[in-house]
Amino acid sequence: MGHYLRRKEIAELLSVNIQTVDRWRRDDGLPYYKFGATTNGAIRFVLEEVKEWAERRKHNAGMQSYTLPRTSGFEPKRPPEDDTEEWHSGDDEYLPPEIY
């Protein structure tokens, strides 16, 4: 185990802010150690582990795709053809088809 670093030191080494380090730790698996059983326990990092994580992340960055298909707008689905009933205004009964 190497020397333990604080969040601020890791943020400076990686040229990001502390909130980014916290987000990476929480969401992206940045390795860390927590000293103390409470939620206010000290969080420390080992530089070698952080470097390995950053290297893995750099190589895996192109593998994730978050693109969504673009559409020109909303297109409602058509009802099935066999369930629809034709109605013409010239019919003997001047009522629309039963819908309820």
Protein backbone atom coordinates (compact mmCIF):
# COMPACT_ATOMS: atom_id res chain seq x y z
CA MET A 1 0.00 0.00 0.00
CA GLY A 2 1.35 3.38 -0.94
CA HIS A 3 0.87 6.83 0.43
CA TYR A 4 -2.74 7.91 1.05
CA LEU A 5 -3.96 11.05 -0.73
CA ARG A 6 -6.94 13.29 0.01
CA ARG A 7 -9.71 14.21 -2.44
CA LYS A 8 -8.21 17.64 -3.02
CA GLU A 9 -4.80 16.17 -3.89
CA ILE A 10 -6.35 13.66 -6.33
CA ALA A 11 -8.44 16.44 -7.90
CA GLU A 12 -5.31 18.55 -8.45
CA LEU A 13 -3.37 15.61 -9.92
CA LEU A 14 -6.19 14.79 -12.35
CA SER A 15 -6.94 18.47 -13.11
CA VAL A 16 -10.59 18.24 -12.08
CA ASN A 17 -12.62 19.66 -9.21
CA ILE A 18 -13.44 17.81 -5.99
CA GLN A 19 -17.07 17.25 -7.04
CA THR A 20 -15.84 15.35 -10.11
CA VAL A 21 -13.67 13.12 -7.91
CA ASP A 22 -16.71 12.45 -5.70
CA ARG A 23 -18.87 11.63 -8.74
CA TRP A 24 -16.22 9.27 -10.16
CA ARG A 25 -15.93 7.61 -6.77
CA ARG A 26 -19.70 7.24 -6.41
CA ASP A 27 -20.69 6.38 -10.01
CA ASP A 28 -17.62 5.20 -11.92
CA GLY A 29 -15.74 3.00 -9.48
CA LEU A 30 -12.81 5.23 -8.58
CA PRO A 31 -10.99 3.15 -5.90
CA TYR A 32 -10.87 4.66 -2.43
CA TYR A 33 -10.58 3.76 1.24
CA LYS A 34 -12.90 5.01 3.95
CA PHE A 35 -11.57 5.32 7.47
CA GLY A 36 -14.28 5.40 10.11
CA ALA A 37 -17.65 3.70 10.36
CA THR A 38 -19.79 6.83 10.03
CA THR A 39 -20.83 8.73 6.94
CA ASN A 40 -18.30 11.39 7.93
CA GLY A 41 -15.36 8.97 7.76
CA ALA A 42 -12.17 10.13 6.07
CA ILE A 43 -11.86 9.15 2.41
CA ARG A 44 -8.38 8.48 1.05
CA PHE A 45 -6.94 7.32 -2.25
CA VAL A 46 -3.80 5.43 -3.27
CA LEU A 47 -2.10 7.08 -6.23
CA GLU A 48 -1.11 3.83 -7.97
CA GLU A 49 -4.70 2.52 -7.83
CA VAL A 50 -6.09 5.79 -9.16
CA LYS A 51 -3.59 5.73 -12.04
CA GLU A 52 -4.61 2.15 -12.92
CA TRP A 53 -8.30 3.15 -12.78
CA ALA A 54 -7.69 6.17 -15.01
CA GLU A 55 -5.78 4.03 -17.53
CA ARG A 56 -8.60 1.43 -17.68
CA ARG A 57 -11.16 4.19 -18.00
CA LYS A 58 -9.22 5.80 -20.84
CA HIS A 59 -9.15 2.53 -22.80
CA ASN A 60 -12.83 1.77 -22.15
CA ALA A 61 -14.11 5.26 -22.94
CA GLY A 62 -14.85 4.47 -26.57
CA MET A 63 -16.79 1.31 -25.76
CA GLN A 64 -19.79 3.05 -24.21
CA SER A 65 -22.30 4.62 -26.54
CA TYR A 66 -24.93 6.98 -25.19
CA THR A 67 -26.37 8.12 -28.50
CA LEU A 68 -30.12 8.06 -28.96
CA PRO A 69 -31.76 7.62 -32.33
CA ARG A 70 -32.96 10.90 -33.76
CA THR A 71 -36.50 11.12 -35.05
CA SER A 72 -38.36 13.84 -36.87
CA GLY A 73 -41.17 13.78 -34.34
CA PHE A 74 -43.87 11.71 -32.77
CA GLU A 75 -45.60 9.21 -35.01
CA PRO A 76 -48.60 7.48 -33.41
CA LYS A 77 -49.13 3.79 -33.98
CA ARG A 78 -52.01 2.85 -36.23
CA PRO A 79 -54.73 0.60 -34.84
CA PRO A 80 -54.93 -2.92 -36.23
CA GLU A 81 -56.89 -3.03 -39.48
CA ASP A 82 -59.27 -5.81 -38.39
CA ASP A 83 -60.44 -3.95 -35.25
CA THR A 84 -61.60 -0.81 -37.04
CA GLU A 85 -65.12 -0.27 -38.27
CA GLU A 86 -65.89 1.92 -41.28
CA TRP A 87 -68.55 4.55 -40.89
CA HIS A 88 -69.91 6.72 -43.65
CA SER A 89 -72.21 9.69 -43.20
CA GLY A 90 -74.60 8.34 -45.84
CA ASP A 91 -75.42 5.18 -43.86
CA ASP A 92 -79.01 4.45 -42.82
CA GLU A 93 -78.13 4.94 -39.18
CA TYR A 94 -76.53 8.34 -38.81
CA LEU A 95 -74.46 7.30 -35.77
CA PRO A 96 -70.73 6.80 -35.40
CA PRO A 97 -69.46 3.31 -34.55
CA GLU A 98 -69.76 2.09 -30.97
CA ILE A 99 -66.60 3.09 -29.10
CA TYR A 100 -67.52 2.25 -25.51
